[in-house]
N, C-alpha and C. Protein backbone atom coordinates (compact mmCIF):
# COMPACT_ATOMS: atom_id res chain seq x y z
N UNK A 1 97.08 93.87 92.32
CA UNK A 1 96.42 94.24 93.55
C UNK A 1 95.12 94.97 93.21
N UNK A 2 94.18 94.91 94.11
CA UNK A 2 92.92 95.60 93.90
C UNK A 2 92.22 95.12 92.64
N UNK A 3 91.78 96.06 91.82
CA UNK A 3 91.05 95.73 90.60
C UNK A 3 91.93 95.74 89.36
N UNK A 4 93.24 95.64 89.53
CA UNK A 4 94.17 95.73 88.40
C UNK A 4 93.89 94.69 87.32
N UNK A 5 93.67 93.45 87.70
CA UNK A 5 93.42 92.40 86.71
C UNK A 5 92.14 92.68 85.93
N UNK A 6 91.09 93.09 86.62
CA UNK A 6 89.83 93.40 85.93
C UNK A 6 90.00 94.56 84.97
N UNK A 7 90.80 95.54 85.36
CA UNK A 7 91.03 96.69 84.49
C UNK A 7 91.77 96.26 83.22
N UNK A 8 92.79 95.41 83.36
CA UNK A 8 93.52 94.94 82.18
C UNK A 8 92.58 94.17 81.27
N UNK A 9 91.74 93.33 81.85
CA UNK A 9 90.80 92.53 81.04
C UNK A 9 89.82 93.41 80.27
N UNK A 10 89.56 94.62 80.73
CA UNK A 10 88.65 95.54 80.05
C UNK A 10 89.32 96.29 78.91
N UNK A 11 90.64 96.23 78.81
CA UNK A 11 91.36 96.92 77.74
C UNK A 11 91.15 96.21 76.41
N UNK A 12 91.52 96.89 75.34
CA UNK A 12 91.46 96.29 74.00
C UNK A 12 92.43 95.11 73.92
N UNK A 13 92.20 94.25 72.96
CA UNK A 13 93.07 93.09 72.77
C UNK A 13 94.52 93.51 72.55
N UNK A 14 94.74 94.56 71.75
CA UNK A 14 96.10 95.04 71.50
C UNK A 14 96.77 95.50 72.78
N UNK A 15 96.04 96.26 73.60
CA UNK A 15 96.61 96.75 74.87
C UNK A 15 96.93 95.57 75.79
N UNK A 16 96.04 94.59 75.89
CA UNK A 16 96.29 93.42 76.74
C UNK A 16 97.52 92.66 76.28
N UNK A 17 97.67 92.48 74.97
CA UNK A 17 98.84 91.78 74.44
C UNK A 17 100.12 92.54 74.75
N UNK A 18 100.10 93.85 74.55
CA UNK A 18 101.30 94.66 74.82
C UNK A 18 101.67 94.63 76.31
N UNK A 19 100.67 94.69 77.18
CA UNK A 19 100.93 94.61 78.62
C UNK A 19 101.47 93.24 78.98
N UNK A 20 100.88 92.19 78.42
CA UNK A 20 101.37 90.83 78.67
C UNK A 20 102.81 90.66 78.22
N UNK A 21 103.14 91.20 77.05
CA UNK A 21 104.50 91.13 76.54
C UNK A 21 105.47 91.86 77.47
N UNK A 22 105.07 93.05 77.91
CA UNK A 22 105.92 93.84 78.80
C UNK A 22 106.14 93.12 80.13
N UNK A 23 105.08 92.56 80.71
CA UNK A 23 105.21 91.85 81.99
C UNK A 23 106.04 90.57 81.83
N UNK A 24 105.92 89.92 80.68
CA UNK A 24 106.75 88.73 80.41
C UNK A 24 108.23 89.11 80.41
N UNK A 25 108.56 90.23 79.80
CA UNK A 25 109.96 90.70 79.80
C UNK A 25 110.44 90.95 81.23
N UNK A 26 109.57 91.58 82.05
CA UNK A 26 109.93 91.85 83.43
C UNK A 26 110.18 90.54 84.18
N UNK A 27 109.31 89.55 83.95
CA UNK A 27 109.48 88.24 84.60
C UNK A 27 110.80 87.59 84.21
N UNK A 28 111.28 87.87 83.02
CA UNK A 28 112.54 87.30 82.53
C UNK A 28 113.76 88.14 82.93
N UNK A 29 113.53 89.18 83.73
CA UNK A 29 114.62 90.03 84.20
C UNK A 29 115.04 91.09 83.21
N UNK A 30 114.20 91.34 82.20
CA UNK A 30 114.50 92.35 81.19
C UNK A 30 113.63 93.58 81.42
N UNK A 31 114.03 94.68 80.81
CA UNK A 31 113.21 95.88 80.88
C UNK A 31 112.05 95.76 79.91
N UNK A 32 110.88 96.30 80.29
CA UNK A 32 109.77 96.36 79.33
C UNK A 32 110.13 97.33 78.21
N UNK A 33 109.42 97.27 77.08
CA UNK A 33 109.76 98.15 75.96
C UNK A 33 109.69 99.64 76.28
N UNK A 34 108.72 100.07 77.06
CA UNK A 34 108.56 101.49 77.37
C UNK A 34 108.19 101.61 78.84
N UNK A 35 109.08 102.20 79.62
CA UNK A 35 108.87 102.25 81.08
C UNK A 35 109.59 103.45 81.66
N UNK A 36 109.24 103.76 82.91
CA UNK A 36 109.98 104.78 83.64
C UNK A 36 109.79 104.53 85.14
N UNK A 37 110.74 104.94 85.95
CA UNK A 37 110.58 104.81 87.41
C UNK A 37 109.51 105.77 87.91
N UNK A 38 108.82 105.34 88.96
CA UNK A 38 107.76 106.17 89.56
C UNK A 38 108.01 106.33 91.06
N UNK A 39 109.06 107.05 91.44
CA UNK A 39 109.35 107.23 92.87
C UNK A 39 108.24 107.96 93.61
N UNK A 40 107.39 108.70 92.89
CA UNK A 40 106.27 109.38 93.54
C UNK A 40 105.25 108.38 94.08
N UNK A 41 105.24 107.16 93.54
CA UNK A 41 104.35 106.10 94.03
C UNK A 41 105.03 105.35 95.17
N UNK A 42 106.31 105.04 94.99
CA UNK A 42 107.07 104.35 96.03
C UNK A 42 108.43 103.92 95.52
N UNK A 43 109.36 103.64 96.43
CA UNK A 43 110.70 103.20 96.02
C UNK A 43 110.62 101.88 95.25
N UNK A 44 111.24 101.84 94.09
CA UNK A 44 111.25 100.62 93.29
C UNK A 44 110.04 100.44 92.39
N UNK A 45 109.09 101.36 92.43
CA UNK A 45 107.90 101.26 91.59
C UNK A 45 108.24 101.76 90.19
N UNK A 46 107.79 101.00 89.20
CA UNK A 46 108.00 101.34 87.80
C UNK A 46 106.66 101.48 87.11
N UNK A 47 106.65 102.21 86.00
CA UNK A 47 105.45 102.38 85.19
C UNK A 47 105.71 101.82 83.81
N UNK A 48 104.86 100.89 83.38
CA UNK A 48 104.89 100.42 81.99
C UNK A 48 103.95 101.32 81.20
N UNK A 49 104.44 101.76 80.04
CA UNK A 49 103.65 102.63 79.18
C UNK A 49 103.32 101.88 77.90
N UNK A 50 102.03 101.77 77.61
CA UNK A 50 101.56 101.07 76.42
C UNK A 50 100.72 102.04 75.60
N UNK A 51 101.01 102.10 74.31
CA UNK A 51 100.27 102.97 73.40
C UNK A 51 99.57 102.07 72.39
N UNK A 52 98.31 101.75 72.66
CA UNK A 52 97.51 100.91 71.78
C UNK A 52 96.18 101.63 71.55
N UNK A 53 96.19 102.59 70.65
CA UNK A 53 95.01 103.42 70.44
C UNK A 53 95.00 104.57 71.43
N UNK A 54 94.92 104.24 72.71
CA UNK A 54 95.02 105.23 73.78
C UNK A 54 96.20 104.86 74.67
N UNK A 55 96.53 105.75 75.56
CA UNK A 55 97.67 105.52 76.46
C UNK A 55 97.21 104.71 77.67
N UNK A 56 97.87 103.58 77.90
CA UNK A 56 97.58 102.71 79.04
C UNK A 56 98.81 102.70 79.94
N UNK A 57 98.58 102.65 81.24
CA UNK A 57 99.68 102.65 82.20
C UNK A 57 99.48 101.55 83.23
N UNK A 58 100.60 101.05 83.74
CA UNK A 58 100.59 99.99 84.74
C UNK A 58 101.72 100.28 85.72
N UNK A 59 101.40 100.43 87.00
CA UNK A 59 102.41 100.59 88.04
C UNK A 59 102.72 99.21 88.61
N UNK A 60 104.01 98.88 88.73
CA UNK A 60 104.38 97.58 89.30
C UNK A 60 105.64 97.72 90.13
N UNK A 61 105.86 96.72 90.96
CA UNK A 61 107.08 96.68 91.78
C UNK A 61 107.55 95.23 91.82
N UNK A 62 108.87 95.03 91.78
CA UNK A 62 109.43 93.67 91.77
C UNK A 62 110.37 93.42 92.93
N UNK A 63 110.51 94.35 93.85
CA UNK A 63 111.57 94.23 94.86
C UNK A 63 111.22 93.33 96.04
N UNK A 64 110.05 92.71 96.04
CA UNK A 64 109.65 91.83 97.14
C UNK A 64 109.60 90.39 96.66
N UNK A 65 110.31 89.52 97.36
CA UNK A 65 110.33 88.07 97.06
C UNK A 65 110.58 87.84 95.58
N UNK A 66 109.96 86.84 95.03
CA UNK A 66 110.12 86.51 93.61
C UNK A 66 108.82 86.76 92.86
N UNK A 67 108.24 87.92 93.07
CA UNK A 67 106.94 88.21 92.47
C UNK A 67 106.93 89.61 91.87
N UNK A 68 106.06 89.79 90.89
CA UNK A 68 105.78 91.11 90.34
C UNK A 68 104.42 91.50 90.90
N UNK A 69 104.37 92.63 91.57
CA UNK A 69 103.11 93.13 92.12
C UNK A 69 102.61 94.27 91.24
N UNK A 70 101.47 94.07 90.61
CA UNK A 70 100.84 95.12 89.81
C UNK A 70 99.98 95.94 90.76
N UNK A 71 100.37 97.19 90.95
CA UNK A 71 99.70 98.05 91.92
C UNK A 71 98.47 98.74 91.36
N UNK A 72 98.56 99.19 90.11
CA UNK A 72 97.45 99.95 89.54
C UNK A 72 97.57 99.94 88.02
N UNK A 73 96.44 99.88 87.34
CA UNK A 73 96.37 99.89 85.88
C UNK A 73 95.30 100.91 85.48
N UNK A 74 95.60 101.72 84.48
CA UNK A 74 94.63 102.75 84.09
C UNK A 74 94.89 103.24 82.68
N UNK A 75 93.88 103.90 82.12
CA UNK A 75 94.01 104.58 80.84
C UNK A 75 94.38 106.02 81.15
N UNK A 76 95.43 106.48 80.53
CA UNK A 76 95.90 107.86 80.77
C UNK A 76 95.29 108.77 79.72
N UNK A 77 94.54 109.77 80.19
CA UNK A 77 93.83 110.66 79.27
C UNK A 77 94.38 112.07 79.26
N UNK A 78 95.37 112.35 80.10
CA UNK A 78 95.95 113.69 80.19
C UNK A 78 97.46 113.59 80.02
N UNK A 79 98.11 114.72 79.82
CA UNK A 79 99.57 114.74 79.67
C UNK A 79 100.29 114.35 80.94
N UNK A 80 99.74 114.73 82.07
CA UNK A 80 100.35 114.44 83.36
C UNK A 80 99.52 113.37 84.06
N UNK A 81 100.19 112.44 84.72
CA UNK A 81 99.47 111.40 85.46
C UNK A 81 98.65 112.05 86.56
N UNK A 82 97.39 111.68 86.63
CA UNK A 82 96.49 112.27 87.62
C UNK A 82 96.93 111.93 89.04
N UNK A 83 96.74 112.87 89.92
CA UNK A 83 97.06 112.66 91.34
C UNK A 83 96.30 111.47 91.90
N UNK A 84 95.06 111.28 91.46
CA UNK A 84 94.26 110.16 91.97
C UNK A 84 94.90 108.82 91.61
N UNK A 85 95.48 108.71 90.42
CA UNK A 85 96.15 107.47 90.02
C UNK A 85 97.42 107.26 90.83
N UNK A 86 98.19 108.31 91.04
CA UNK A 86 99.41 108.20 91.84
C UNK A 86 99.06 107.82 93.27
N UNK A 87 98.03 108.46 93.83
CA UNK A 87 97.61 108.17 95.20
C UNK A 87 97.13 106.73 95.36
N UNK A 88 96.37 106.22 94.39
CA UNK A 88 95.91 104.84 94.47
C UNK A 88 97.09 103.88 94.41
N UNK A 89 98.05 104.14 93.51
CA UNK A 89 99.26 103.33 93.45
C UNK A 89 100.02 103.37 94.76
N UNK A 90 100.15 104.56 95.33
CA UNK A 90 100.86 104.73 96.61
C UNK A 90 100.13 103.98 97.74
N UNK A 91 98.82 104.05 97.77
CA UNK A 91 98.02 103.36 98.79
C UNK A 91 98.23 101.84 98.69
N UNK A 92 98.21 101.32 97.48
CA UNK A 92 98.41 99.87 97.29
C UNK A 92 99.84 99.47 97.61
N UNK A 93 100.79 100.35 97.32
CA UNK A 93 102.19 100.08 97.67
C UNK A 93 102.33 99.98 99.19
N UNK A 94 101.70 100.90 99.90
CA UNK A 94 101.77 100.88 101.38
C UNK A 94 101.10 99.61 101.92
N UNK A 95 99.98 99.19 101.34
CA UNK A 95 99.31 97.95 101.74
C UNK A 95 100.22 96.76 101.51
N UNK A 96 100.95 96.77 100.39
CA UNK A 96 101.89 95.69 100.09
C UNK A 96 103.01 95.65 101.13
N UNK A 97 103.51 96.81 101.50
CA UNK A 97 104.56 96.86 102.52
C UNK A 97 104.09 96.21 103.83
N UNK A 98 102.85 96.49 104.21
CA UNK A 98 102.30 95.89 105.44
C UNK A 98 102.16 94.37 105.29
N UNK A 99 101.83 93.89 104.09
CA UNK A 99 101.68 92.45 103.83
C UNK A 99 103.00 91.68 103.92
N UNK A 100 104.04 92.25 103.33
CA UNK A 100 105.30 91.51 103.21
C UNK A 100 106.19 91.65 104.43
N UNK A 101 105.87 92.57 105.33
CA UNK A 101 106.72 92.75 106.52
C UNK A 101 106.03 92.27 107.76
């Protein structure tokens, strides 16, 4: 959703490969290698964590239809996820809810 694809394309080759691998696992019904639930973004939202030089994060949700919705992708530069990143993920989650209902 939004600029998520463009953001992934701007990452290093290693980060893009790791994200692609993680999303492929999700598509196959498996857990990504490094993830955690993100209820602060929305119910059912998960965060993929990729460490390829710097910390990369991807918020996604799979609970609608047969699709994976990537809500937000970003480089994490602090110990705690920035409120702006959580808010953007939450905003896109709410937009998705309006789309699917």
